[in-house]
Structures are given as structure tokens and as C-alpha cells.
């Protein structure tokens, strides 16, 4: 497919903010859905622009993804949400050009591959930025999730005021939040209407970010995804603790998970036809921490997990400093409104298909 042929179609220009564990898998899935049987090369061997673009924070990650054949035709931008200029550079970029702003000179003389291509507004902006204290100890969650989100919305507002919108009129913002916004429900079932009382900074800041989006003029174009704990190929939370016999607290608390493959499928569905609002993204079966990790250790031939004796009663003991509390998250709204069938409806199907190399990977 030649570049201008792509733009003659009903286009979908999608920007993924955050190229980590989830973001890069969404990019791969979107690319494959557009070009399922193609080498993604034009007749002259130049990679064809896919309409999907990804942001990362470091040149190391940018080089890694640009060298991955899966990302041919997917521009990888350097961006820092705490630095408004880098956001503006990406949002104003001409289609298919990494970190190339739409200056008058660029619009008059765009790169040869896209000479017939005008600036196109984004149809989807997916926020899947994680918080990595190891790489960026100087930043707080407020810096990333609140100041960063405010920076993004301010740039979108300024473009709208100048009648040069960066988000299409029917475009969508998808914001990846967390079930941590609920806090400790003492093992009760929670849905999207359940009161939120987050226990820790992560949940509190994400809930504030949700409110910021919902109160903004673009709230009517925003879908909030409260993701349960992501797991899948290369990622099982607390896997290293199991390997090294480190005790896990509160084994009888309910925990909630979603396989990354199913999380990607949900994002694909909601990006195409989603409504404004909030959805819990979790599998069909909340499970106790004891059951999840015992099954994980058994299926992957790891030592039996060690559980701290203090945490046998989840309704009386207080959650640990890093815990999110005990809750049973329901995905009924998501399934009833969109008819989504999960590939991995419970942890058993998901854990049986994961390999045992669980390196730490952050968004």
C-alpha cells in the first residue's frame, strides 16, 4: 500500500503515550490489524506508514523499538510529559515523521514519502504511561500523572482555540488507570459505581487524574480503563519473590488480574467504538493471592510460595504499604456493553500459557 493510498481511506491516526509492556503490545496489535498479510513495505522497499505512532522517554527504548521489525512503519517519538515542548512537538508532527513539528516550512516541503499528506489530527490518544521510580527518582506521581496530563490537555486546548484541532471531532482519549483507585473493599465486589477510597499515592493520584479528565471539555471523548494487575508473557507480578522465597503478605486477600492479550483486545475495541465513561478491565475470576501464586508456582515448577503468617484474615488486618486492598472486581459492564469474550477468562488459562522468563518490564 502506498502512503497516499492509506490516507484516502477512512483514516485512524493513533498515538500511544508510553511504549512499555502494554503500549508496545497495543502498537503491534494495531499494526497487524491494519496490515495482516503484508510485509509492510512499499514497492520501493520503504516502510509504509501505519497510522500508529508511539512515544518513549529514552533514546535507548527508541532505538530498541526502531530496530524491531514488528515496528516497521511505526514512528517512535521521544517525549516527556513533564516537558510541554516535547508533547507539542509530537502532537504537531506530520504523519509518519519522528519528532518533526508542522512548521510552515515542513508543510510546504514535507519529506518525499509524504509530499501529498497534510497534517491529520489524531483519532486516538492512548495514555499508558507508567511510573518508574528506578529510572526517574526525581519525579513524583503528581509530576507524571497530573502535571503531565495537564500539559497534554493544555496543548490540545490551545490548538482548539486556534481552530487547528489536534484531536479529531470524533476522536477518543483512552486513559489507563488502575483498580488501585478503590482501596480496600474488604473482599466485597466492586464495579464502576463503587466508592473509591484509595489507600496509597498511586491510587490517589490516578483517581485525581481521572477527575481531571472527566471535568475537562474532552471528558465526553474520554474513556477511562481501570486495569487490574497486568500479567502475561515476560511479566508476573512478584515472580522474583516466589523464586527467592520472600514471604507474601495477606494471602487471603482477593486480587484481580487481566492478561495483557485481553487488555490489548479491550483497548482495540474501545478505541474503535468506545463511549465516554469508565470501565473495569479485569478477568472473570477474582482469586486469593494464595491461590494465584500457588498455582503459578506449581505450573512453572517453582518453590512453593511462602506466606506471612500475619495476614490470614483479610477483613481485620490492614493492607501492607504496597498492597491495594482486598476486592473482587467485576467486568460485567464491559462485557454487557461490548460483548467481549476474554481469551483468558481466568488466571488458570493465562498462567498455563506463560513462559518462565519473567524479567521486570515497566511502562
Foldseek 3Di string as FASTA:
>chain_A
DAQVVQVVPPHAQEEEEACWDQRVVLVLVQQCVQPVPDLQADPVRQRHARSYEYEDADVVVQVVLVPDSSCRNYHYEHAALLDLVSLQQVLQAAGSDHSHHPDVVCQCPPPPSQVVGHRDAHQEYEYDHFDDCVVPVPDDLCSRLPSSLVSNVVSQVVCVVVVNGNYDPLHAYEYEAAPLQQFAPQQEEDFQPRDGDHDADRNVSRVVSLVVCCPDPCLFRYEYEHEFAEDAAQADPCLVCQQVQNADEQQFFWGWYDYSVQVSVLCVQCRVPNGRDYFYHTAQDTDGNQVLQQLLCVLQVGPGHHHDPVNDRLNPDHDDNPDSHGYHYDRVVSCVVRVDDGPDRDSNVRSNPYHDNRDDMTD
